């Protein structure tokens, strides 16, 4: 699988320019929900994929949830921490 440069990620910090409501889902009594097939296809989500749930709080209450593929989150973290770690190594 070809890796995308971190700059090409739609999930990079501040990269929410194309944000829109994709669909509405219902949470059942067990807390489960189904992502519609067309959305899974569009996002490249397949069975067994890991998704990170990111929450934003306002006034002590979670007001917004976002799903990010775990591999994308990992690349974002590497993109931010990698240069920092390089700077630290060069300083020692």
N, C-alpha and C. Protein backbone atom coordinates (compact mmCIF):
# COMPACT_ATOMS: atom_id res chain seq x y z
N UNK A 1 0.84 -1.17 0.00
CA UNK A 1 0.00 0.00 0.00
C UNK A 1 0.89 1.24 0.00
N UNK A 2 0.65 2.14 -0.93
CA UNK A 2 1.44 3.37 -1.04
C UNK A 2 1.05 4.33 0.08
N UNK A 3 2.05 4.91 0.75
CA UNK A 3 1.80 5.84 1.85
C UNK A 3 1.62 7.24 1.27
N UNK A 4 0.66 7.98 1.85
CA UNK A 4 0.46 9.36 1.46
C UNK A 4 1.36 10.24 2.30
N UNK A 5 1.92 11.29 1.70
CA UNK A 5 2.64 12.26 2.53
C UNK A 5 1.68 12.87 3.55
N UNK A 6 2.19 13.20 4.74
CA UNK A 6 1.33 13.71 5.80
C UNK A 6 0.59 14.97 5.36
N UNK A 7 1.20 15.78 4.50
CA UNK A 7 0.56 17.00 4.03
C UNK A 7 -0.69 16.73 3.22
N UNK A 8 -0.86 15.51 2.69
CA UNK A 8 -2.01 15.18 1.88
C UNK A 8 -3.19 14.65 2.70
N UNK A 9 -3.01 14.50 4.01
CA UNK A 9 -4.07 13.94 4.84
C UNK A 9 -5.19 14.95 5.04
N UNK A 10 -6.41 14.50 4.87
CA UNK A 10 -7.54 15.39 5.13
C UNK A 10 -7.77 15.55 6.62
N UNK A 11 -7.10 14.73 7.42
CA UNK A 11 -7.30 14.74 8.87
C UNK A 11 -6.23 15.52 9.61
N UNK A 12 -5.33 16.17 8.91
CA UNK A 12 -4.28 16.93 9.59
C UNK A 12 -4.89 18.06 10.40
N UNK A 13 -4.22 18.50 11.44
CA UNK A 13 -4.76 19.60 12.25
C UNK A 13 -5.10 20.80 11.38
N UNK A 14 -6.30 21.30 11.55
CA UNK A 14 -6.76 22.44 10.76
C UNK A 14 -7.26 22.05 9.39
N UNK A 15 -7.31 20.75 9.08
CA UNK A 15 -7.69 20.30 7.75
C UNK A 15 -9.16 19.93 7.63
N UNK A 16 -10.03 20.69 8.26
CA UNK A 16 -11.44 20.33 8.26
C UNK A 16 -12.24 21.20 7.30
N UNK A 17 -11.61 21.75 6.27
CA UNK A 17 -12.29 22.63 5.34
C UNK A 17 -13.44 21.97 4.60
N UNK A 18 -13.36 20.67 4.34
CA UNK A 18 -14.39 19.98 3.60
C UNK A 18 -15.39 19.27 4.49
N UNK A 19 -15.52 19.70 5.72
CA UNK A 19 -16.38 19.05 6.70
C UNK A 19 -17.84 19.21 6.32
N UNK A 20 -18.59 18.10 6.34
CA UNK A 20 -20.03 18.15 6.06
C UNK A 20 -20.72 16.95 6.71
N UNK A 21 -22.01 17.03 6.85
CA UNK A 21 -22.79 15.92 7.39
C UNK A 21 -22.91 14.87 6.29
N UNK A 22 -22.36 13.70 6.53
CA UNK A 22 -22.39 12.61 5.55
C UNK A 22 -23.65 11.77 5.67
N UNK A 23 -24.09 11.54 6.89
CA UNK A 23 -25.29 10.73 7.10
C UNK A 23 -25.71 10.85 8.56
N UNK A 24 -26.90 10.38 8.85
CA UNK A 24 -27.38 10.26 10.22
C UNK A 24 -27.47 8.78 10.55
N UNK A 25 -27.01 8.43 11.74
CA UNK A 25 -27.07 7.03 12.18
C UNK A 25 -27.82 6.99 13.50
N UNK A 26 -28.37 5.83 13.81
CA UNK A 26 -29.09 5.62 15.06
C UNK A 26 -28.28 4.69 15.94
N UNK A 27 -28.19 5.03 17.21
CA UNK A 27 -27.51 4.18 18.18
C UNK A 27 -28.57 3.30 18.84
N UNK A 28 -28.34 1.97 18.83
CA UNK A 28 -29.34 1.08 19.43
C UNK A 28 -29.14 0.99 20.94
N UNK A 29 -29.97 0.19 21.59
CA UNK A 29 -29.95 0.07 23.06
C UNK A 29 -28.62 -0.48 23.59
N UNK A 30 -27.88 -1.19 22.74
CA UNK A 30 -26.59 -1.73 23.15
C UNK A 30 -25.44 -0.77 22.85
N UNK A 31 -25.75 0.41 22.31
CA UNK A 31 -24.73 1.40 22.00
C UNK A 31 -24.09 1.20 20.63
N UNK A 32 -24.67 0.34 19.82
CA UNK A 32 -24.10 0.06 18.51
C UNK A 32 -24.76 0.90 17.44
N UNK A 33 -23.99 1.19 16.39
CA UNK A 33 -24.53 1.90 15.25
C UNK A 33 -23.93 1.31 13.99
N UNK A 34 -24.58 1.56 12.87
CA UNK A 34 -24.12 1.04 11.59
C UNK A 34 -23.76 2.23 10.71
N UNK A 35 -22.53 2.21 10.18
CA UNK A 35 -22.15 3.22 9.20
C UNK A 35 -22.69 2.77 7.84
N UNK A 36 -23.41 3.62 7.15
CA UNK A 36 -23.98 3.22 5.85
C UNK A 36 -22.89 2.75 4.88
N UNK A 37 -23.24 1.76 4.05
CA UNK A 37 -22.29 1.16 3.13
C UNK A 37 -21.65 2.18 2.20
N UNK A 38 -22.45 3.10 1.66
CA UNK A 38 -21.86 4.08 0.74
C UNK A 38 -20.81 4.95 1.44
N UNK A 39 -21.02 5.26 2.72
CA UNK A 39 -20.06 6.03 3.48
C UNK A 39 -18.80 5.21 3.77
N UNK A 40 -18.99 3.93 4.13
CA UNK A 40 -17.84 3.04 4.36
C UNK A 40 -17.01 2.91 3.09
N UNK A 41 -17.69 2.74 1.97
CA UNK A 41 -16.98 2.64 0.69
C UNK A 41 -16.21 3.92 0.38
N UNK A 42 -16.86 5.04 0.55
CA UNK A 42 -16.25 6.34 0.27
C UNK A 42 -15.03 6.59 1.16
N UNK A 43 -15.09 6.15 2.42
CA UNK A 43 -13.99 6.34 3.36
C UNK A 43 -12.98 5.19 3.33
N UNK A 44 -13.25 4.15 2.56
CA UNK A 44 -12.35 3.01 2.50
C UNK A 44 -12.31 2.21 3.78
N UNK A 45 -13.44 2.17 4.49
CA UNK A 45 -13.53 1.44 5.76
C UNK A 45 -14.02 0.03 5.46
N UNK A 46 -13.26 -0.95 5.94
CA UNK A 46 -13.61 -2.35 5.73
C UNK A 46 -13.72 -3.06 7.08
N UNK A 47 -14.37 -4.21 7.08
CA UNK A 47 -14.49 -4.99 8.30
C UNK A 47 -13.13 -5.23 8.93
N UNK A 48 -13.03 -5.03 10.23
CA UNK A 48 -11.78 -5.24 10.94
C UNK A 48 -10.92 -3.99 11.07
N UNK A 49 -11.24 -2.94 10.31
CA UNK A 49 -10.50 -1.68 10.43
C UNK A 49 -10.71 -1.09 11.82
N UNK A 50 -9.69 -0.42 12.32
CA UNK A 50 -9.75 0.26 13.62
C UNK A 50 -10.03 1.73 13.38
N UNK A 51 -10.97 2.28 14.14
CA UNK A 51 -11.30 3.70 14.07
C UNK A 51 -11.08 4.33 15.44
N UNK A 52 -10.41 5.46 15.47
CA UNK A 52 -10.23 6.21 16.71
C UNK A 52 -11.42 7.15 16.85
N UNK A 53 -11.99 7.19 18.04
CA UNK A 53 -13.11 8.10 18.33
C UNK A 53 -12.51 9.30 19.06
N UNK A 54 -12.64 10.47 18.46
CA UNK A 54 -12.10 11.70 19.02
C UNK A 54 -13.28 12.53 19.51
N UNK A 55 -13.20 13.01 20.74
CA UNK A 55 -14.28 13.82 21.30
C UNK A 55 -13.80 15.20 21.70
N UNK A 56 -14.66 16.18 21.51
CA UNK A 56 -14.40 17.54 21.96
C UNK A 56 -15.39 17.88 23.06
N UNK A 57 -14.88 18.49 24.12
CA UNK A 57 -15.74 18.86 25.24
C UNK A 57 -15.99 20.35 25.27
N UNK A 58 -17.18 20.69 25.72
CA UNK A 58 -17.54 22.08 25.98
C UNK A 58 -18.38 22.07 27.24
N UNK A 59 -17.97 22.84 28.23
CA UNK A 59 -18.72 22.90 29.47
C UNK A 59 -18.81 21.57 30.20
N UNK A 60 -17.75 20.73 30.08
CA UNK A 60 -17.73 19.45 30.77
C UNK A 60 -18.56 18.37 30.09
N UNK A 61 -19.09 18.64 28.90
CA UNK A 61 -19.92 17.68 28.17
C UNK A 61 -19.32 17.47 26.78
N UNK A 62 -19.26 16.21 26.33
CA UNK A 62 -18.78 15.94 24.98
C UNK A 62 -19.84 16.46 24.00
N UNK A 63 -19.42 17.38 23.15
CA UNK A 63 -20.37 17.99 22.23
C UNK A 63 -20.18 17.52 20.79
N UNK A 64 -19.04 16.92 20.50
CA UNK A 64 -18.76 16.52 19.12
C UNK A 64 -17.90 15.26 19.14
N UNK A 65 -18.20 14.32 18.27
CA UNK A 65 -17.41 13.11 18.10
C UNK A 65 -16.97 13.02 16.65
N UNK A 66 -15.77 12.53 16.44
CA UNK A 66 -15.25 12.35 15.10
C UNK A 66 -14.59 10.98 15.03
N UNK A 67 -14.68 10.33 13.88
CA UNK A 67 -14.02 9.04 13.66
C UNK A 67 -12.85 9.26 12.73
N UNK A 68 -11.69 8.72 13.09
CA UNK A 68 -10.51 8.79 12.25
C UNK A 68 -9.93 7.38 12.16
N UNK A 69 -9.58 6.96 10.94
CA UNK A 69 -8.94 5.66 10.81
C UNK A 69 -7.67 5.67 11.65
N UNK A 70 -7.46 4.60 12.40
CA UNK A 70 -6.31 4.51 13.30
C UNK A 70 -5.00 4.70 12.55
N UNK A 71 -4.91 4.19 11.34
CA UNK A 71 -3.66 4.34 10.56
C UNK A 71 -3.43 5.81 10.18
N UNK A 72 -4.50 6.54 9.91
CA UNK A 72 -4.37 7.97 9.61
C UNK A 72 -3.93 8.74 10.85
N UNK A 73 -4.51 8.39 12.00
CA UNK A 73 -4.13 9.04 13.25
C UNK A 73 -2.66 8.78 13.55
N UNK A 74 -2.22 7.56 13.32
CA UNK A 74 -0.83 7.19 13.55
C UNK A 74 0.10 8.04 12.68
N UNK A 75 -0.26 8.20 11.41
CA UNK A 75 0.54 9.01 10.50
C UNK A 75 0.57 10.47 10.94
N UNK A 76 -0.57 10.98 11.44
CA UNK A 76 -0.63 12.36 11.93
C UNK A 76 0.32 12.54 13.11
N UNK A 77 0.29 11.60 14.03
CA UNK A 77 1.15 11.68 15.22
C UNK A 77 2.61 11.62 14.80
N UNK A 78 2.95 10.70 13.90
CA UNK A 78 4.33 10.60 13.42
C UNK A 78 4.75 11.89 12.73
N UNK A 79 3.85 12.49 11.97
CA UNK A 79 4.16 13.73 11.27
C UNK A 79 4.44 14.88 12.21
N UNK A 80 3.80 14.88 13.37
CA UNK A 80 4.00 15.94 14.35
C UNK A 80 5.20 15.62 15.23
N UNK A 81 5.26 14.40 15.76
CA UNK A 81 6.31 14.03 16.71
C UNK A 81 7.65 13.74 16.04
N UNK A 82 7.62 13.24 14.82
CA UNK A 82 8.86 12.91 14.12
C UNK A 82 9.83 14.07 14.05
N UNK A 83 9.40 15.22 13.54
CA UNK A 83 10.32 16.37 13.50
C UNK A 83 10.75 16.82 14.89
N UNK A 84 9.86 16.75 15.87
CA UNK A 84 10.23 17.14 17.23
C UNK A 84 11.31 16.22 17.78
N UNK A 85 11.14 14.93 17.54
CA UNK A 85 12.13 13.96 18.03
C UNK A 85 13.46 14.18 17.32
N UNK A 86 13.43 14.50 16.03
CA UNK A 86 14.66 14.78 15.30
C UNK A 86 15.39 15.97 15.87
N UNK A 87 14.63 17.02 16.24
CA UNK A 87 15.22 18.20 16.86
C UNK A 87 15.88 17.85 18.19
N UNK A 88 15.21 17.02 18.98
CA UNK A 88 15.77 16.63 20.29
C UNK A 88 17.04 15.83 20.13
N UNK A 89 17.09 14.93 19.17
CA UNK A 89 18.28 14.09 18.95
C UNK A 89 19.45 14.95 18.51
N UNK A 90 19.18 15.93 17.64
CA UNK A 90 20.25 16.81 17.16
C UNK A 90 20.83 17.69 18.26
N UNK A 91 20.01 18.03 19.25
CA UNK A 91 20.46 18.90 20.34
C UNK A 91 21.33 18.18 21.37
N UNK A 92 21.26 16.86 21.43
CA UNK A 92 22.04 16.13 22.44
C UNK A 92 23.42 15.78 21.96
